[in-house]
């Protein structure tokens, strides 16, 4: 159940960055576009960074999670080490979220 929860957290990272980006998208104001191409590319880059890091973290969590269930059935003392590896894999997704938040903040400034 640990890999399933960690994969769910990766989905929440994507939801967080999507809500932040969606709140900053604006419409045309006074016949001029207020959403510049710089903001658009910054938001695109933040979304791509969060999405691809979430994809890589999910792949790592899936591979390690499968090995965790098989190895812990054979030797239960391996559980703690495998959970540490899962935490490091989850950190990949967190780094992508941080990069996405930084890019989104730069677009708002």
Protein backbone atom coordinates (compact mmCIF):
# COMPACT_ATOMS: atom_id res chain seq x y z
CA UNK A 1 0.00 0.00 0.00
CA UNK A 2 2.99 2.33 0.46
CA UNK A 3 3.72 2.70 -3.29
CA UNK A 4 0.05 3.40 -3.99
CA UNK A 5 -0.04 6.24 -1.46
CA UNK A 6 3.20 7.70 -2.81
CA UNK A 7 1.87 7.60 -6.36
CA UNK A 8 -1.24 9.42 -5.17
CA UNK A 9 0.94 12.17 -3.74
CA UNK A 10 2.49 12.65 -7.17
CA UNK A 11 -0.98 13.25 -8.57
CA UNK A 12 -1.57 15.87 -5.89
CA UNK A 13 1.64 17.65 -6.96
CA UNK A 14 0.23 17.91 -10.47
CA UNK A 15 -3.08 19.19 -9.14
CA UNK A 16 -1.33 21.88 -7.09
CA UNK A 17 0.65 23.22 -10.03
CA UNK A 18 -2.41 23.07 -12.30
CA UNK A 19 -4.51 25.14 -9.88
CA UNK A 20 -1.75 27.71 -9.45
CA UNK A 21 -1.27 28.08 -13.20
CA UNK A 22 -5.01 28.18 -13.92
CA UNK A 23 -5.52 31.00 -11.42
CA UNK A 24 -2.92 33.14 -13.19
CA UNK A 25 -4.35 32.78 -16.70
CA UNK A 26 -6.26 35.95 -17.58
CA UNK A 27 -8.38 37.13 -20.47
CA UNK A 28 -8.16 40.16 -22.71
CA UNK A 29 -8.28 43.44 -20.80
CA UNK A 30 -8.95 46.75 -22.61
CA UNK A 31 -8.45 45.17 -26.04
CA UNK A 32 -4.91 44.08 -25.10
CA UNK A 33 -3.86 40.58 -24.12
CA UNK A 34 -2.83 40.62 -20.46
CA UNK A 35 -1.47 37.07 -20.66
CA UNK A 36 1.91 37.58 -22.31
CA UNK A 37 3.96 34.98 -24.13
CA UNK A 38 6.53 35.10 -21.32
CA UNK A 39 3.86 34.07 -18.80
CA UNK A 40 2.60 31.39 -21.17
CA UNK A 41 6.05 29.85 -21.68
CA UNK A 42 6.85 30.08 -17.96
CA UNK A 43 3.61 28.29 -17.11
CA UNK A 44 4.22 25.72 -19.83
CA UNK A 45 7.73 25.10 -18.52
CA UNK A 46 6.48 24.77 -14.96
CA UNK A 47 3.82 22.30 -16.00
CA UNK A 48 6.25 20.26 -18.09
CA UNK A 49 8.82 20.22 -15.26
CA UNK A 50 6.25 19.02 -12.75
CA UNK A 51 4.71 16.53 -15.16
CA UNK A 52 7.91 14.91 -16.39
CA UNK A 53 9.42 14.70 -12.92
CA UNK A 54 6.17 13.14 -11.72
CA UNK A 55 6.35 10.65 -14.58
CA UNK A 56 9.94 9.71 -13.70
CA UNK A 57 9.13 9.46 -10.00
CA UNK A 58 6.06 7.34 -10.72
CA UNK A 59 8.11 4.98 -12.86
CA UNK A 60 10.72 4.67 -10.12
CA UNK A 61 8.06 4.13 -7.45
CA UNK A 62 6.40 1.47 -9.59
CA UNK A 63 9.61 -0.47 -10.17
CA UNK A 64 10.75 -0.22 -6.54
CA UNK A 65 7.23 -0.92 -5.26
CA UNK A 66 7.05 -4.17 -7.18
CA UNK A 67 10.45 -5.20 -5.88
CA UNK A 68 9.41 -4.14 -2.37
CA UNK A 69 6.41 -6.43 -2.28
CA UNK A 70 8.35 -9.39 -3.64
CA UNK A 71 11.42 -8.88 -1.45
CA UNK A 72 9.53 -8.14 1.77
CA UNK A 73 7.59 -11.37 1.35
CA UNK A 74 10.88 -13.27 1.27
CA UNK A 75 12.74 -11.22 3.89
CA UNK A 76 10.77 -8.73 6.01
CA UNK A 77 13.91 -6.89 7.19
CA UNK A 78 14.33 -5.38 3.70
CA UNK A 79 11.15 -3.33 4.13
CA UNK A 80 12.81 -0.29 5.75
CA UNK A 81 15.51 -0.03 3.08
CA UNK A 82 12.98 -0.26 0.30
CA UNK A 83 10.81 2.43 1.87
CA UNK A 84 13.85 4.72 1.98
CA UNK A 85 14.37 4.13 -1.74
CA UNK A 86 10.70 4.97 -2.31
CA UNK A 87 11.14 8.22 -0.38
CA UNK A 88 14.10 9.19 -2.57
CA UNK A 89 12.03 8.41 -5.67
CA UNK A 90 9.23 10.60 -4.32
CA UNK A 91 11.73 13.43 -3.90
CA UNK A 92 12.11 13.54 -7.70
CA UNK A 93 8.48 14.58 -7.99
CA UNK A 94 8.86 17.11 -5.20
CA UNK A 95 11.80 18.73 -7.00
CA UNK A 96 9.66 19.08 -10.11
CA UNK A 97 6.91 20.72 -8.07
CA UNK A 98 9.43 23.19 -6.63
CA UNK A 99 10.73 24.08 -10.10
CA UNK A 100 7.16 24.52 -11.33
CA UNK A 101 6.34 26.82 -8.42
CA UNK A 102 9.47 28.90 -9.03
CA UNK A 103 8.66 29.29 -12.73
CA UNK A 104 5.07 30.18 -11.92
CA UNK A 105 6.22 32.78 -9.41
CA UNK A 106 8.60 34.29 -11.98
CA UNK A 107 5.72 34.57 -14.43
CA UNK A 108 3.57 36.40 -11.90
CA UNK A 109 6.28 38.98 -11.14
